[in-house]
Protein backbone atom coordinates (compact mmCIF):
# COMPACT_ATOMS: atom_id res chain seq x y z
CA MET A 1 139.19 196.58 177.88
CA ILE A 2 137.47 195.29 174.74
CA HIS A 3 140.15 196.94 172.59
CA ALA A 4 142.94 195.14 174.50
CA LEU A 5 141.09 191.83 174.19
CA VAL A 6 140.64 192.26 170.43
CA GLY A 7 144.30 193.30 170.06
CA SER A 8 145.44 190.28 172.08
CA LEU A 9 143.35 187.90 169.98
CA LEU A 10 144.57 189.47 166.74
CA LEU A 11 148.23 189.11 167.75
CA ALA A 12 147.53 185.52 168.83
CA CYS A 13 146.02 184.76 165.40
CA VAL A 14 148.93 186.40 163.59
CA GLY A 15 151.44 184.51 165.76
CA ILE A 16 149.74 181.17 165.10
CA ALA A 17 149.58 181.93 161.36
CA ILE A 18 153.29 182.79 161.23
CA GLU A 19 154.12 179.61 163.15
CA VAL A 20 152.04 177.42 160.82
CA VAL A 21 153.60 178.96 157.71
CA LEU A 22 157.15 178.64 159.05
CA THR A 23 156.74 175.03 160.21
CA GLY A 24 155.27 174.16 156.82
CA LEU A 25 158.24 175.75 155.04
CA VAL A 26 160.72 173.98 157.33
CA ARG A 27 158.99 170.68 156.65
CA PHE A 28 159.26 171.35 152.90
CA ARG A 29 162.97 172.21 153.21
CA LYS A 30 163.85 169.20 155.36
CA LYS A 31 161.54 166.53 153.93
CA HIS A 32 160.63 167.98 150.51
CA ASP A 33 156.99 167.68 151.62
CA THR A 34 155.06 169.65 149.01
CA SER A 35 151.90 169.56 151.14
CA LEU A 36 153.49 172.42 153.15
CA GLU A 37 151.76 171.04 156.23
CA GLY A 38 152.43 173.38 159.15
CA TYR A 39 151.35 173.24 162.76
CA SER A 40 151.15 175.02 166.07
CA TYR A 41 149.72 174.26 169.49
CA ILE A 42 146.49 175.52 171.02
CA TRP A 43 148.64 176.41 174.03
CA MET A 44 150.23 179.12 171.88
CA ILE A 45 147.03 181.17 171.68
CA PRO A 46 147.26 182.60 175.22
CA ILE A 47 151.04 182.83 174.94
CA TYR A 48 150.89 184.93 171.77
CA ALA A 49 147.96 186.89 173.23
CA LEU A 50 150.30 188.10 175.98
CA SER A 51 152.05 190.17 173.31
CA TRP A 52 149.46 192.95 173.50
CA PRO A 53 149.71 193.64 177.25
CA ILE A 54 153.49 193.23 177.11
CA LEU A 55 153.75 195.74 174.25
CA SER A 56 151.40 198.14 176.02
CA VAL A 57 153.86 198.23 178.93
CA LEU A 58 157.15 197.99 177.01
CA TYR A 59 156.58 200.13 173.94
CA PRO A 60 156.15 203.46 175.78
CA ARG A 61 159.38 202.77 177.67
CA LEU A 62 161.37 201.56 174.66
CA SER A 63 159.99 203.78 171.90
CA THR A 64 162.94 206.19 172.03
CA LEU A 65 165.46 203.40 171.40
CA ASN A 66 166.57 202.61 167.88
CA ILE A 67 164.90 199.67 166.19
CA ILE A 68 167.79 197.23 166.80
CA LEU A 69 167.95 197.92 170.55
CA ARG A 70 164.17 197.84 170.85
CA GLY A 71 164.01 194.59 168.88
CA THR A 72 166.76 193.06 171.00
CA MET A 73 164.82 193.90 174.16
CA TYR A 74 161.69 192.35 172.66
CA VAL A 75 163.58 189.16 171.79
CA PHE A 76 164.92 188.93 175.33
CA ILE A 77 161.38 189.29 176.73
CA LEU A 78 160.08 186.75 174.19
CA PHE A 79 162.70 184.25 175.34
CA VAL A 80 161.73 184.84 178.98
CA VAL A 81 158.03 184.36 178.19
CA GLU A 82 158.68 181.27 176.03
CA TYR A 83 160.88 179.74 178.72
CA ALA A 84 158.42 180.51 181.53
CA ALA A 85 155.45 179.21 179.51
CA GLY A 86 157.34 176.05 178.56
CA TRP A 87 158.42 175.49 182.15
CA LEU A 88 154.83 175.92 183.42
CA LEU A 89 153.46 173.62 180.72
CA ARG A 90 156.14 171.04 181.48
CA GLY A 91 155.12 171.14 185.14
CA ALA A 92 151.41 170.88 184.35
CA LEU A 93 151.57 168.36 181.50
CA GLY A 94 154.80 166.47 182.18
CA GLU A 95 156.31 167.80 178.95
CA CYS A 96 156.32 171.11 177.14
CA PRO A 97 154.58 170.74 173.73
CA TRP A 98 157.59 172.00 171.75
CA GLU A 99 160.15 170.19 173.91
CA LYS A 100 160.58 167.24 171.51
CA GLN A 101 161.46 169.58 168.63
CA TYR A 102 163.98 171.51 170.77
CA LYS A 103 165.57 168.58 172.61
CA GLY A 104 169.20 168.00 171.70
CA LYS A 105 169.47 171.07 169.49
CA LYS A 106 172.75 172.96 169.81
CA TRP A 107 171.25 176.31 170.86
CA ALA A 108 168.37 174.94 172.96
CA VAL A 109 168.14 176.01 176.60
CA ASN A 110 166.65 173.19 178.67
CA SER A 111 164.66 172.17 175.56
CA LEU A 112 162.37 175.17 176.16
CA VAL A 113 163.96 177.97 174.13
CA ARG A 114 166.06 177.96 170.95
CA LEU A 115 168.55 180.84 170.92
CA ASP A 116 169.18 180.30 167.20
CA TYR A 117 165.59 181.46 166.61
CA ALA A 118 166.52 184.99 167.75
CA PRO A 119 166.60 186.50 164.22
CA GLY A 120 163.15 185.12 163.47
CA TRP A 121 161.81 186.31 166.79
CA LEU A 122 163.26 189.75 166.06
CA VAL A 123 161.22 189.97 162.86
CA VAL A 124 158.06 188.67 164.58
CA ALA A 125 158.50 191.13 167.46
CA LEU A 126 158.85 194.09 165.13
CA VAL A 127 155.82 192.96 163.09
CA PHE A 128 153.83 192.69 166.34
CA GLU A 129 155.04 196.15 167.35
CA GLN A 130 153.76 197.63 164.07
CA LEU A 131 150.40 195.87 164.47
CA TYR A 132 150.19 197.16 168.04
CA LEU A 133 150.92 200.71 166.90
CA ALA A 134 148.36 200.51 164.09
CA LEU A 135 145.62 199.21 166.38
CA ARG A 136 146.13 200.92 169.72
């Protein structure tokens, strides 16, 4: 139990760190902001922490698939989790925290998921998988 909790918290920290770095780089690219200010949401901690229990269920079932198929399955699950979390937060708060950034974007689904983020999510999912394997 403690091991799963530590793994969940570690993946949450890594997820938040990746998000902060990427939002800082996007801000630099779009606004030439050399402060590289990045951000995330406290709501993302439990969402990213779900990665450990999800991987503990999925990895044993998907481990025989090649990396592309496995990664594609992870991205699909990530989209489902992101959508469900955004939908729940929208219901609880009146608006999903990332909804403003997604609203009106070409590949956004109900302003809760961005399908054009799939390649990035693929990389994140496979990094999380390797962390899971190293720590389990």
